């Protein structure tokens, strides 16, 4: 697969409640990453991907996002814009993590990009 989905995020108003819900509903293991704010979710199982569950920045209503791995964030955003999408967030380094970006497809759905390890 050329550009696989490699991460997901579920963020909302109450990080701990969301983490507890997904942990109980699907028996996912939660690993606290930022106390009382964000946890890494480990669904396990064959073919499952890890994700993050936590609080939305600024206390917003939240959203669900999936992240697609690409070799070059700038090139991917350029191609997406040529195809009718738009950049929502340019490339940024996650502290102690990967480089990410976000775009909106032509209908406004927000999707994340994650830079592949070189």
PDB file of N, CA and C in Angstrom:
ATOM      1  N   UNK A   1       0.855  -1.176   0.000  1.00  0.00           N
ATOM      2  CA  UNK A   1       0.000   0.000   0.000  1.00  0.00           C
ATOM      3  C   UNK A   1       0.895   1.231   0.000  1.00  0.00           C
ATOM      4  N   UNK A   2       0.660   2.140  -0.894  1.00  0.00           N
ATOM      5  CA  UNK A   2       1.533   3.295  -1.075  1.00  0.00           C
ATOM      6  C   UNK A   2       1.517   4.269   0.092  1.00  0.00           C
ATOM      7  N   UNK A   3       0.364   4.686   0.543  1.00  0.00           N
ATOM      8  CA  UNK A   3       0.245   5.679   1.618  1.00  0.00           C
ATOM      9  C   UNK A   3      -0.796   5.182   2.624  1.00  0.00           C
ATOM     10  N   UNK A   4      -0.377   4.372   3.589  1.00  0.00           N
ATOM     11  CA  UNK A   4      -1.333   3.745   4.503  1.00  0.00           C
ATOM     12  C   UNK A   4      -1.866   4.699   5.565  1.00  0.00           C
ATOM     13  N   UNK A   5      -3.046   4.391   6.097  1.00  0.00           N
ATOM     14  CA  UNK A   5      -3.561   5.073   7.273  1.00  0.00           C
ATOM     15  C   UNK A   5      -2.772   4.520   8.448  1.00  0.00           C
ATOM     16  N   UNK A   6      -2.125   5.408   9.223  1.00  0.00           N
ATOM     17  CA  UNK A   6      -1.209   4.951  10.264  1.00  0.00           C
ATOM     18  C   UNK A   6      -1.565   5.427  11.668  1.00  0.00           C
ATOM     19  N   UNK A   7      -2.553   6.307  11.804  1.00  0.00           N
ATOM     20  CA  UNK A   7      -2.875   6.851  13.123  1.00  0.00           C
ATOM     21  C   UNK A   7      -4.282   7.422  13.070  1.00  0.00           C
ATOM     22  N   UNK A   8      -4.959   7.421  14.200  1.00  0.00           N
ATOM     23  CA  UNK A   8      -6.254   8.086  14.299  1.00  0.00           C
ATOM     24  C   UNK A   8      -6.266   8.929  15.565  1.00  0.00           C
ATOM     25  N   UNK A   9      -7.197   9.881  15.620  1.00  0.00           N
ATOM     26  CA  UNK A   9      -7.372  10.715  16.797  1.00  0.00           C
ATOM     27  C   UNK A   9      -8.850  10.916  17.053  1.00  0.00           C
ATOM     28  N   UNK A  10      -9.236  10.830  18.305  1.00  0.00           N
ATOM     29  CA  UNK A  10     -10.579  11.181  18.747  1.00  0.00           C
ATOM     30  C   UNK A  10     -10.379  12.214  19.851  1.00  0.00           C
ATOM     31  N   UNK A  11     -10.795  13.447  19.615  1.00  0.00           N
ATOM     32  CA  UNK A  11     -10.632  14.485  20.624  1.00  0.00           C
ATOM     33  C   UNK A  11     -11.967  15.168  20.879  1.00  0.00           C
ATOM     34  N   UNK A  12     -12.153  15.617  22.118  1.00  0.00           N
ATOM     35  CA  UNK A  12     -13.401  16.269  22.501  1.00  0.00           C
ATOM     36  C   UNK A  12     -13.232  17.055  23.777  1.00  0.00           C
ATOM     37  N   UNK A  13     -14.337  17.349  24.426  1.00  0.00           N
ATOM     38  CA  UNK A  13     -14.323  18.210  25.608  1.00  0.00           C
ATOM     39  C   UNK A  13     -13.790  17.529  26.857  1.00  0.00           C
ATOM     40  N   UNK A  14     -14.000  16.223  27.018  1.00  0.00           N
ATOM     41  CA  UNK A  14     -13.607  15.530  28.240  1.00  0.00           C
ATOM     42  C   UNK A  14     -12.694  14.354  27.908  1.00  0.00           C
ATOM     43  N   UNK A  15     -11.397  14.586  27.959  1.00  0.00           N
ATOM     44  CA  UNK A  15     -10.414  13.576  27.580  1.00  0.00           C
ATOM     45  C   UNK A  15     -10.581  12.285  28.373  1.00  0.00           C
ATOM     46  N   UNK A  16     -10.705  12.394  29.688  1.00  0.00           N
ATOM     47  CA  UNK A  16     -10.784  11.194  30.520  1.00  0.00           C
ATOM     48  C   UNK A  16     -12.050  10.393  30.243  1.00  0.00           C
ATOM     49  N   UNK A  17     -13.164  11.071  30.019  1.00  0.00           N
ATOM     50  CA  UNK A  17     -14.405  10.357  29.707  1.00  0.00           C
ATOM     51  C   UNK A  17     -14.295   9.637  28.368  1.00  0.00           C
ATOM     52  N   UNK A  18     -13.716  10.301  27.367  1.00  0.00           N
ATOM     53  CA  UNK A  18     -13.540   9.661  26.061  1.00  0.00           C
ATOM     54  C   UNK A  18     -12.613   8.454  26.158  1.00  0.00           C
ATOM     55  N   UNK A  19     -11.508   8.622  26.884  1.00  0.00           N
ATOM     56  CA  UNK A  19     -10.565   7.513  27.040  1.00  0.00           C
ATOM     57  C   UNK A  19     -11.240   6.336  27.723  1.00  0.00           C
ATOM     58  N   UNK A  20     -11.989   6.591  28.781  1.00  0.00           N
ATOM     59  CA  UNK A  20     -12.702   5.525  29.482  1.00  0.00           C
ATOM     60  C   UNK A  20     -13.726   4.839  28.603  1.00  0.00           C
ATOM     61  N   UNK A  21     -14.435   5.625  27.794  1.00  0.00           N
ATOM     62  CA  UNK A  21     -15.435   5.053  26.894  1.00  0.00           C
ATOM     63  C   UNK A  21     -14.805   4.061  25.923  1.00  0.00           C
ATOM     64  N   UNK A  22     -13.760   4.485  25.220  1.00  0.00           N
ATOM     65  CA  UNK A  22     -13.136   3.607  24.228  1.00  0.00           C
ATOM     66  C   UNK A  22     -12.416   2.424  24.877  1.00  0.00           C
ATOM     67  N   UNK A  23     -11.861   2.637  26.040  1.00  0.00           N
ATOM     68  CA  UNK A  23     -11.218   1.550  26.768  1.00  0.00           C
ATOM     69  C   UNK A  23     -12.247   0.482  27.138  1.00  0.00           C
ATOM     70  N   UNK A  24     -13.400   0.914  27.650  1.00  0.00           N
ATOM     71  CA  UNK A  24     -14.437  -0.026  28.062  1.00  0.00           C
ATOM     72  C   UNK A  24     -15.186  -0.636  26.878  1.00  0.00           C
ATOM     73  N   UNK A  25     -15.488   0.182  25.872  1.00  0.00           N
ATOM     74  CA  UNK A  25     -16.270  -0.298  24.735  1.00  0.00           C
ATOM     75  C   UNK A  25     -15.529  -1.338  23.903  1.00  0.00           C
ATOM     76  N   UNK A  26     -14.213  -1.148  23.738  1.00  0.00           N
ATOM     77  CA  UNK A  26     -13.454  -2.013  22.840  1.00  0.00           C
ATOM     78  C   UNK A  26     -12.269  -2.712  23.495  1.00  0.00           C
ATOM     79  N   UNK A  27     -12.109  -2.537  24.814  1.00  0.00           N
ATOM     80  CA  UNK A  27     -10.998  -3.133  25.557  1.00  0.00           C
ATOM     81  C   UNK A  27      -9.642  -2.655  25.026  1.00  0.00           C
ATOM     82  N   UNK A  28      -9.597  -1.379  24.606  1.00  0.00           N
ATOM     83  CA  UNK A  28      -8.346  -0.795  24.155  1.00  0.00           C
ATOM     84  C   UNK A  28      -7.502  -0.434  25.370  1.00  0.00           C
ATOM     85  N   UNK A  29      -6.211  -0.584  25.257  1.00  0.00           N
ATOM     86  CA  UNK A  29      -5.281  -0.183  26.303  1.00  0.00           C
ATOM     87  C   UNK A  29      -4.942   1.294  26.107  1.00  0.00           C
ATOM     88  N   UNK A  30      -4.982   2.055  27.185  1.00  0.00           N
ATOM     89  CA  UNK A  30      -4.643   3.478  27.134  1.00  0.00           C
ATOM     90  C   UNK A  30      -3.306   3.700  27.834  1.00  0.00           C
ATOM     91  N   UNK A  31      -2.442   4.480  27.176  1.00  0.00           N
ATOM     92  CA  UNK A  31      -1.140   4.830  27.740  1.00  0.00           C
ATOM     93  C   UNK A  31      -1.071   6.357  27.825  1.00  0.00           C
ATOM     94  N   UNK A  32      -1.088   6.882  29.035  1.00  0.00           N
ATOM     95  CA  UNK A  32      -1.100   8.326  29.216  1.00  0.00           C
ATOM     96  C   UNK A  32       0.126   8.961  28.556  1.00  0.00           C
ATOM     97  N   UNK A  33      -0.118   9.950  27.706  1.00  0.00           N
ATOM     98  CA  UNK A  33       0.970  10.659  27.032  1.00  0.00           C
ATOM     99  C   UNK A  33       1.135  12.050  27.628  1.00  0.00           C
ATOM    100  N   UNK A  34       0.025  12.746  27.830  1.00  0.00           N
ATOM    101  CA  UNK A  34       0.016  14.061  28.472  1.00  0.00           C
ATOM    102  C   UNK A  34      -1.038  13.957  29.573  1.00  0.00           C
ATOM    103  N   UNK A  35      -0.628  13.980  30.840  1.00  0.00           N
ATOM    104  CA  UNK A  35      -1.569  13.762  31.942  1.00  0.00           C
ATOM    105  C   UNK A  35      -2.844  14.607  31.839  1.00  0.00           C
ATOM    106  N   UNK A  36      -3.971  13.938  32.009  1.00  0.00           N
ATOM    107  CA  UNK A  36      -5.307  14.548  31.993  1.00  0.00           C
ATOM    108  C   UNK A  36      -5.649  15.238  30.679  1.00  0.00           C
ATOM    109  N   UNK A  37      -4.905  14.935  29.615  1.00  0.00           N
ATOM    110  CA  UNK A  37      -5.146  15.620  28.345  1.00  0.00           C
ATOM    111  C   UNK A  37      -5.178  14.663  27.158  1.00  0.00           C
ATOM    112  N   UNK A  38      -4.205  13.751  27.074  1.00  0.00           N
ATOM    113  CA  UNK A  38      -4.067  12.937  25.867  1.00  0.00           C
ATOM    114  C   UNK A  38      -3.470  11.586  26.212  1.00  0.00           C
ATOM    115  N   UNK A  39      -4.029  10.544  25.629  1.00  0.00           N
ATOM    116  CA  UNK A  39      -3.505   9.189  25.828  1.00  0.00           C
ATOM    117  C   UNK A  39      -3.357   8.508  24.478  1.00  0.00           C
ATOM    118  N   UNK A  40      -2.361   7.641  24.390  1.00  0.00           N
ATOM    119  CA  UNK A  40      -2.215   6.811  23.197  1.00  0.00           C
ATOM    120  C   UNK A  40      -3.102   5.588  23.381  1.00  0.00           C
ATOM    121  N   UNK A  41      -3.901   5.309  22.384  1.00  0.00           N
ATOM    122  CA  UNK A  41      -4.805   4.163  22.407  1.00  0.00           C
ATOM    123  C   UNK A  41      -4.175   3.038  21.609  1.00  0.00           C
ATOM    124  N   UNK A  42      -4.128   1.860  22.207  1.00  0.00           N
ATOM    125  CA  UNK A  42      -3.546   0.684  21.566  1.00  0.00           C
ATOM    126  C   UNK A  42      -4.636  -0.364  21.393  1.00  0.00           C
ATOM    127  N   UNK A  43      -5.309  -0.356  20.219  1.00  0.00           N
ATOM    128  CA  UNK A  43      -6.388  -1.308  20.004  1.00  0.00           C
ATOM    129  C   UNK A  43      -5.919  -2.762  19.969  1.00  0.00           C
ATOM    130  N   UNK A  44      -4.676  -2.992  19.543  1.00  0.00           N
ATOM    131  CA  UNK A  44      -4.185  -4.360  19.452  1.00  0.00           C
ATOM    132  C   UNK A  44      -4.846  -5.095  18.302  1.00  0.00           C
ATOM    133  N   UNK A  45      -4.659  -6.372  18.298  1.00  0.00           N
ATOM    134  CA  UNK A  45      -5.208  -7.185  17.228  1.00  0.00           C
ATOM    135  C   UNK A  45      -4.393  -7.056  15.960  1.00  0.00           C
ATOM    136  N   UNK A  46      -4.569  -8.008  15.107  1.00  0.00           N
ATOM    137  CA  UNK A  46      -3.826  -8.033  13.848  1.00  0.00           C
ATOM    138  C   UNK A  46      -4.332  -6.955  12.904  1.00  0.00           C
ATOM    139  N   UNK A  47      -3.441  -6.131  12.421  1.00  0.00           N
ATOM    140  CA  UNK A  47      -3.789  -5.108  11.448  1.00  0.00           C
ATOM    141  C   UNK A  47      -4.347  -3.832  12.042  1.00  0.00           C
ATOM    142  N   UNK A  48      -4.519  -3.756  13.365  1.00  0.00           N
ATOM    143  CA  UNK A  48      -5.028  -2.541  13.983  1.00  0.00           C
ATOM    144  C   UNK A  48      -3.963  -1.463  14.040  1.00  0.00           C
ATOM    145  N   UNK A  49      -4.384  -0.210  14.043  1.00  0.00           N
ATOM    146  CA  UNK A  49      -3.450   0.903  14.162  1.00  0.00           C
ATOM    147  C   UNK A  49      -3.659   1.587  15.503  1.00  0.00           C
ATOM    148  N   UNK A  50      -2.608   2.179  16.028  1.00  0.00           N
ATOM    149  CA  UNK A  50      -2.702   2.929  17.266  1.00  0.00           C
ATOM    150  C   UNK A  50      -3.231   4.324  16.971  1.00  0.00           C
ATOM    151  N   UNK A  51      -3.710   4.985  18.019  1.00  0.00           N
ATOM    152  CA  UNK A  51      -4.235   6.326  17.854  1.00  0.00           C
ATOM    153  C   UNK A  51      -4.104   7.122  19.118  1.00  0.00           C
ATOM    154  N   UNK A  52      -4.737   8.258  19.148  1.00  0.00           N
ATOM    155  CA  UNK A  52      -4.724   9.116  20.319  1.00  0.00           C
ATOM    156  C   UNK A  52      -6.134   9.524  20.673  1.00  0.00           C
ATOM    157  N   UNK A  53      -6.394   9.624  21.979  1.00  0.00           N
ATOM    158  CA  UNK A  53      -7.699  10.057  22.464  1.00  0.00           C
ATOM    159  C   UNK A  53      -7.443  11.106  23.532  1.00  0.00           C
ATOM    160  N   UNK A  54      -8.076  12.266  23.368  1.00  0.00           N
ATOM    161  CA  UNK A  54      -7.819  13.309  24.338  1.00  0.00           C
ATOM    162  C   UNK A  54      -8.698  14.520  24.178  1.00  0.00           C
ATOM    163  N   UNK A  55      -8.239  15.620  24.755  1.00  0.00           N
ATOM    164  CA  UNK A  55      -8.982  16.879  24.752  1.00  0.00           C
ATOM    165  C   UNK A  55      -8.714  17.662  23.473  1.00  0.00           C
ATOM    166  N   UNK A  56      -9.743  18.308  22.975  1.00  0.00           N
ATOM    167  CA  UNK A  56      -9.588  19.182  21.814  1.00  0.00           C
ATOM    168  C   UNK A  56      -8.883  20.455  22.253  1.00  0.00           C
ATOM    169  N   UNK A  57      -8.016  20.952  21.400  1.00  0.00           N
ATOM    170  CA  UNK A  57      -7.311  22.200  21.712  1.00  0.00           C
ATOM    171  C   UNK A  57      -8.323  23.327  21.875  1.00  0.00           C
ATOM    172  N   UNK A  58      -8.147  24.130  22.896  1.00  0.00           N
ATOM    173  CA  UNK A  58      -9.039  25.253  23.126  1.00  0.00           C
ATOM    174  C   UNK A  58     -10.405  24.868  23.648  1.00  0.00           C
ATOM    175  N   UNK A  59     -10.583  23.604  24.037  1.00  0.00           N
ATOM    176  CA  UNK A  59     -11.861  23.170  24.597  1.00  0.00           C
ATOM    177  C   UNK A  59     -12.985  23.066  23.597  1.00  0.00           C
ATOM    178  N   UNK A  60     -12.654  22.923  22.323  1.00  0.00           N
ATOM    179  CA  UNK A  60     -13.666  22.822  21.276  1.00  0.00           C
ATOM    180  C   UNK A  60     -14.485  21.546  21.366  1.00  0.00           C
ATOM    181  N   UNK A  61     -15.460  21.435  20.484  1.00  0.00           N
ATOM    182  CA  UNK A  61     -16.375  20.296  20.468  1.00  0.00           C
ATOM    183  C   UNK A  61     -15.674  18.996  20.102  1.00  0.00           C
ATOM    184  N   UNK A  62     -14.582  19.080  19.385  1.00  0.00           N
ATOM    185  CA  UNK A  62     -13.819  17.886  19.042  1.00  0.00           C
ATOM    186  C   UNK A  62     -14.093  17.372  17.647  1.00  0.00           C
ATOM    187  N   UNK A  63     -13.398  16.294  17.327  1.00  0.00           N
ATOM    188  CA  UNK A  63     -13.497  15.707  15.994  1.00  0.00           C
ATOM    189  C   UNK A  63     -12.795  14.343  15.991  1.00  0.00           C
ATOM    190  N   UNK A  64     -12.976  13.644  14.910  1.00  0.00           N
ATOM    191  CA  UNK A  64     -12.267  12.385  14.656  1.00  0.00           C
ATOM    192  C   UNK A  64     -11.452  12.607  13.388  1.00  0.00           C
ATOM    193  N   UNK A  65     -10.182  12.242  13.434  1.00  0.00           N
ATOM    194  CA  UNK A  65      -9.296  12.419  12.290  1.00  0.00           C
ATOM    195  C   UNK A  65      -8.492  11.150  12.069  1.00  0.00           C
ATOM    196  N   UNK A  66      -8.260  10.810  10.823  1.00  0.00           N
ATOM    197  CA  UNK A  66      -7.296   9.749  10.536  1.00  0.00           C
ATOM    198  C   UNK A  66      -6.113  10.383   9.823  1.00  0.00           C
ATOM    199  N   UNK A  67      -4.950   9.747   9.962  1.00  0.00           N
ATOM    200  CA  UNK A  67      -3.712  10.276   9.405  1.00  0.00           C
ATOM    201  C   UNK A  67      -3.159   9.314   8.359  1.00  0.00           C
ATOM    202  N   UNK A  68      -2.782   9.864   7.216  1.00  0.00           N
ATOM    203  CA  UNK A  68      -2.212   9.106   6.112  1.00  0.00           C
ATOM    204  C   UNK A  68      -0.705   9.381   6.093  1.00  0.00           C
ATOM    205  N   UNK A  69       0.091   8.336   6.001  1.00  0.00           N
ATOM    206  CA  UNK A  69       1.540   8.477   5.953  1.00  0.00           C
ATOM    207  C   UNK A  69       1.984   8.819   4.538  1.00  0.00           C
ATOM    208  N   UNK A  70       2.804   9.870   4.416  1.00  0.00           N
ATOM    209  CA  UNK A  70       3.336  10.307   3.121  1.00  0.00           C
ATOM    210  C   UNK A  70       4.829  10.596   3.283  1.00  0.00           C
ATOM    211  N   UNK A  71       5.599  10.480   2.203  1.00  0.00           N
ATOM    212  CA  UNK A  71       7.037  10.745   2.313  1.00  0.00           C
ATOM    213  C   UNK A  71       7.388  12.229   2.421  1.00  0.00           C
ATOM    214  N   UNK A  72       6.528  13.115   1.893  1.00  0.00           N
ATOM    215  CA  UNK A  72       6.843  14.546   1.845  1.00  0.00           C
ATOM    216  C   UNK A  72       5.549  15.331   2.091  1.00  0.00           C
ATOM    217  N   UNK A  73       5.455  15.990   3.246  1.00  0.00           N
ATOM    218  CA  UNK A  73       4.236  16.718   3.600  1.00  0.00           C
ATOM    219  C   UNK A  73       3.946  17.857   2.629  1.00  0.00           C
ATOM    220  N   UNK A  74       4.943  18.648   2.296  1.00  0.00           N
ATOM    221  CA  UNK A  74       4.744  19.787   1.389  1.00  0.00           C
ATOM    222  C   UNK A  74       4.267  19.318   0.016  1.00  0.00           C
ATOM    223  N   UNK A  75       4.886  18.273  -0.509  1.00  0.00           N
ATOM    224  CA  UNK A  75       4.489  17.753  -1.822  1.00  0.00           C
ATOM    225  C   UNK A  75       3.059  17.224  -1.782  1.00  0.00           C
ATOM    226  N   UNK A  76       2.708  16.536  -0.704  1.00  0.00           N
ATOM    227  CA  UNK A  76       1.345  16.000  -0.585  1.00  0.00           C
ATOM    228  C   UNK A  76       0.331  17.140  -0.519  1.00  0.00           C
ATOM    229  N   UNK A  77       0.623  18.185   0.271  1.00  0.00           N
ATOM    230  CA  UNK A  77      -0.302  19.320   0.364  1.00  0.00           C
ATOM    231  C   UNK A  77      -0.440  20.036  -0.970  1.00  0.00           C
ATOM    232  N   UNK A  78       0.646  20.169  -1.697  1.00  0.00           N
ATOM    233  CA  UNK A  78       0.606  20.802  -3.020  1.00  0.00           C
ATOM    234  C   UNK A  78      -0.297  20.016  -3.967  1.00  0.00           C
ATOM    235  N   UNK A  79      -0.133  18.700  -3.979  1.00  0.00           N
ATOM    236  CA  UNK A  79      -0.963  17.843  -4.839  1.00  0.00           C
ATOM    237  C   UNK A  79      -2.430  17.936  -4.432  1.00  0.00           C
ATOM    238  N   UNK A  80      -2.689  17.912  -3.118  1.00  0.00           N
ATOM    239  CA  UNK A  80      -4.056  17.998  -2.605  1.00  0.00           C
ATOM    240  C   UNK A  80      -4.704  19.305  -3.047  1.00  0.00           C
ATOM    241  N   UNK A  81      -3.962  20.406  -2.990  1.00  0.00           N
ATOM    242  CA  UNK A  81      -4.508  21.690  -3.414  1.00  0.00           C
ATOM    243  C   UNK A  81      -4.803  21.702  -4.907  1.00  0.00           C
ATOM    244  N   UNK A  82      -3.943  21.074  -5.711  1.00  0.00           N
ATOM    245  CA  UNK A  82      -4.200  20.985  -7.164  1.00  0.00           C
ATOM    246  C   UNK A  82      -5.470  20.187  -7.451  1.00  0.00           C
ATOM    247  N   UNK A  83      -5.803  19.252  -6.555  1.00  0.00           N
ATOM    248  CA  UNK A  83      -6.981  18.401  -6.735  1.00  0.00           C
ATOM    249  C   UNK A  83      -8.248  18.989  -6.129  1.00  0.00           C
ATOM    250  N   UNK A  84      -8.160  20.199  -5.576  1.00  0.00           N
ATOM    251  CA  UNK A  84      -9.353  20.861  -5.047  1.00  0.00           C
ATOM    252  C   UNK A  84      -9.463  20.871  -3.533  1.00  0.00           C
ATOM    253  N   UNK A  85      -8.482  20.307  -2.833  1.00  0.00           N
ATOM    254  CA  UNK A  85      -8.471  20.364  -1.374  1.00  0.00           C
ATOM    255  C   UNK A  85      -7.788  21.637  -0.908  1.00  0.00           C
ATOM    256  N   UNK A  86      -7.699  21.798   0.413  1.00  0.00           N
ATOM    257  CA  UNK A  86      -7.044  22.982   0.954  1.00  0.00           C
ATOM    258  C   UNK A  86      -6.250  22.623   2.207  1.00  0.00           C
ATOM    259  N   UNK A  87      -5.170  23.353   2.423  1.00  0.00           N
ATOM    260  CA  UNK A  87      -4.351  23.144   3.605  1.00  0.00           C
ATOM    261  C   UNK A  87      -5.051  23.752   4.813  1.00  0.00           C
ATOM    262  N   UNK A  88      -5.187  22.975   5.880  1.00  0.00           N
ATOM    263  CA  UNK A  88      -5.762  23.442   7.140  1.00  0.00           C
ATOM    264  C   UNK A  88      -4.646  23.805   8.112  1.00  0.00           C
ATOM    265  N   UNK A  89      -3.593  23.000   8.124  1.00  0.00           N
ATOM    266  CA  UNK A  89      -2.438  23.234   8.985  1.00  0.00           C
ATOM    267  C   UNK A  89      -1.199  22.786   8.236  1.00  0.00           C
ATOM    268  N   UNK A  90      -0.275  23.702   8.057  1.00  0.00           N
ATOM    269  CA  UNK A  90       0.969  23.362   7.378  1.00  0.00           C
ATOM    270  C   UNK A  90       1.815  22.431   8.231  1.00  0.00           C
ATOM    271  N   UNK A  91       2.879  21.917   7.686  1.00  0.00           N
ATOM    272  CA  UNK A  91       3.727  20.985   8.432  1.00  0.00           C
ATOM    273  C   UNK A  91       4.184  21.556   9.777  1.00  0.00           C
ATOM    274  N   UNK A  92       4.051  20.737  10.805  1.00  0.00           N
ATOM    275  CA  UNK A  92       4.493  21.088  12.153  1.00  0.00           C
ATOM    276  C   UNK A  92       5.128  19.869  12.797  1.00  0.00           C
ATOM    277  N   UNK A  93       6.103  20.120  13.646  1.00  0.00           N
ATOM    278  CA  UNK A  93       6.743  19.057  14.425  1.00  0.00           C
ATOM    279  C   UNK A  93       5.945  18.853  15.707  1.00  0.00           C
ATOM    280  N   UNK A  94       5.548  17.623  15.990  1.00  0.00           N
ATOM    281  CA  UNK A  94       4.918  17.296  17.260  1.00  0.00           C
ATOM    282  C   UNK A  94       6.049  17.109  18.269  1.00  0.00           C
ATOM    283  N   UNK A  95       5.961  17.748  19.445  1.00  0.00           N
ATOM    284  CA  UNK A  95       7.031  17.560  20.429  1.00  0.00           C
ATOM    285  C   UNK A  95       7.272  16.070  20.713  1.00  0.00           C
ATOM    286  N   UNK A  96       8.522  15.662  20.548  1.00  0.00           N
ATOM    287  CA  UNK A  96       8.924  14.271  20.740  1.00  0.00           C
ATOM    288  C   UNK A  96       8.128  13.309  19.856  1.00  0.00           C
ATOM    289  N   UNK A  97       7.689  13.794  18.698  1.00  0.00           N
ATOM    290  CA  UNK A  97       6.891  12.965  17.802  1.00  0.00           C
ATOM    291  C   UNK A  97       7.192  13.257  16.349  1.00  0.00           C
ATOM    292  N   UNK A  98       6.260  12.903  15.486  1.00  0.00           N
ATOM    293  CA  UNK A  98       6.474  13.051  14.046  1.00  0.00           C
ATOM    294  C   UNK A  98       6.134  14.459  13.541  1.00  0.00           C
ATOM    295  N   UNK A  99       6.356  14.683  12.270  1.00  0.00           N
ATOM    296  CA  UNK A  99       5.895  15.884  11.590  1.00  0.00           C
ATOM    297  C   UNK A  99       4.521  15.580  11.012  1.00  0.00           C
ATOM    298  N   UNK A 100       3.586  16.517  11.198  1.00  0.00           N
ATOM    299  CA  UNK A 100       2.227  16.309  10.698  1.00  0.00           C
ATOM    300  C   UNK A 100       1.741  17.550   9.970  1.00  0.00           C
ATOM    301  N   UNK A 101       0.669  17.394   9.217  1.00  0.00           N
ATOM    302  CA  UNK A 101      -0.037  18.489   8.565  1.00  0.00           C
ATOM    303  C   UNK A 101      -1.499  18.052   8.465  1.00  0.00           C
ATOM    304  N   UNK A 102      -2.373  18.992   8.113  1.00  0.00           N
ATOM    305  CA  UNK A 102      -3.785  18.648   7.948  1.00  0.00           C
ATOM    306  C   UNK A 102      -4.323  19.361   6.718  1.00  0.00           C
ATOM    307  N   UNK A 103      -5.274  18.698   6.069  1.00  0.00           N
ATOM    308  CA  UNK A 103      -5.921  19.299   4.904  1.00  0.00           C
ATOM    309  C   UNK A 103      -7.418  19.028   4.958  1.00  0.00           C
ATOM    310  N   UNK A 104      -8.156  19.787   4.172  1.00  0.00           N
ATOM    311  CA  UNK A 104      -9.584  19.540   3.980  1.00  0.00           C
ATOM    312  C   UNK A 104      -9.778  19.061   2.553  1.00  0.00           C
ATOM    313  N   UNK A 105     -10.579  18.024   2.390  1.00  0.00           N
ATOM    314  CA  UNK A 105     -10.885  17.542   1.043  1.00  0.00           C
ATOM    315  C   UNK A 105     -11.868  18.522   0.397  1.00  0.00           C
ATOM    316  N   UNK A 106     -12.248  18.321  -0.883  1.00  0.00           N
ATOM    317  CA  UNK A 106     -13.133  19.282  -1.540  1.00  0.00           C
ATOM    318  C   UNK A 106     -14.491  19.486  -0.850  1.00  0.00           C
ATOM    319  N   UNK A 107     -14.922  18.542   0.000  1.00  0.00           N
ATOM    320  CA  UNK A 107     -16.186  18.700   0.725  1.00  0.00           C
ATOM    321  C   UNK A 107     -15.979  19.210   2.153  1.00  0.00           C
ATOM    322  N   UNK A 108     -14.729  19.476   2.534  1.00  0.00           N
ATOM    323  CA  UNK A 108     -14.464  20.031   3.850  1.00  0.00           C
ATOM    324  C   UNK A 108     -14.097  19.044   4.939  1.00  0.00           C
ATOM    325  N   UNK A 109     -13.988  17.749   4.629  1.00  0.00           N
ATOM    326  CA  UNK A 109     -13.580  16.762   5.628  1.00  0.00           C
ATOM    327  C   UNK A 109     -12.094  16.934   5.927  1.00  0.00           C
ATOM    328  N   UNK A 110     -11.758  17.050   7.199  1.00  0.00           N
ATOM    329  CA  UNK A 110     -10.368  17.265   7.585  1.00  0.00           C
ATOM    330  C   UNK A 110      -9.666  15.918   7.788  1.00  0.00           C
ATOM    331  N   UNK A 111      -8.490  15.787   7.176  1.00  0.00           N
ATOM    332  CA  UNK A 111      -7.686  14.565   7.226  1.00  0.00           C
ATOM    333  C   UNK A 111      -6.267  14.979   7.582  1.00  0.00           C
ATOM    334  N   UNK A 112      -5.591  14.129   8.343  1.00  0.00           N
ATOM    335  CA  UNK A 112      -4.219  14.407   8.727  1.00  0.00           C
ATOM    336  C   UNK A 112      -3.215  13.706   7.822  1.00  0.00           C
ATOM    337  N   UNK A 113      -2.033  14.291   7.765  1.00  0.00           N
ATOM    338  CA  UNK A 113      -0.898  13.688   7.069  1.00  0.00           C
ATOM    339  C   UNK A 113       0.219  13.508   8.102  1.00  0.00           C
ATOM    340  N   UNK A 114       0.952  12.428   8.012  1.00  0.00           N
ATOM    341  CA  UNK A 114       2.063  12.138   8.911  1.00  0.00           C
ATOM    342  C   UNK A 114       3.269  11.800   8.049  1.00  0.00           C
ATOM    343  N   UNK A 115       4.395  12.487   8.284  1.00  0.00           N
ATOM    344  CA  UNK A 115       5.587  12.258   7.486  1.00  0.00           C
ATOM    345  C   UNK A 115       6.187  10.900   7.811  1.00  0.00           C
ATOM    346  N   UNK A 116       6.427  10.135   6.767  1.00  0.00           N
ATOM    347  CA  UNK A 116       7.051   8.823   6.922  1.00  0.00           C
ATOM    348  C   UNK A 116       8.477   8.986   7.424  1.00  0.00           C
ATOM    349  N   UNK A 117       8.940   8.035   8.219  1.00  0.00           N
ATOM    350  CA  UNK A 117      10.333   8.040   8.656  1.00  0.00           C
ATOM    351  C   UNK A 117      11.235   7.917   7.439  1.00  0.00           C
ATOM    352  N   UNK A 118      12.304   8.680   7.430  1.00  0.00           N
ATOM    353  CA  UNK A 118      13.218   8.646   6.284  1.00  0.00           C
ATOM    354  C   UNK A 118      14.159   7.468   6.401  1.00  0.00           C
TER     355      UNK A 118
END
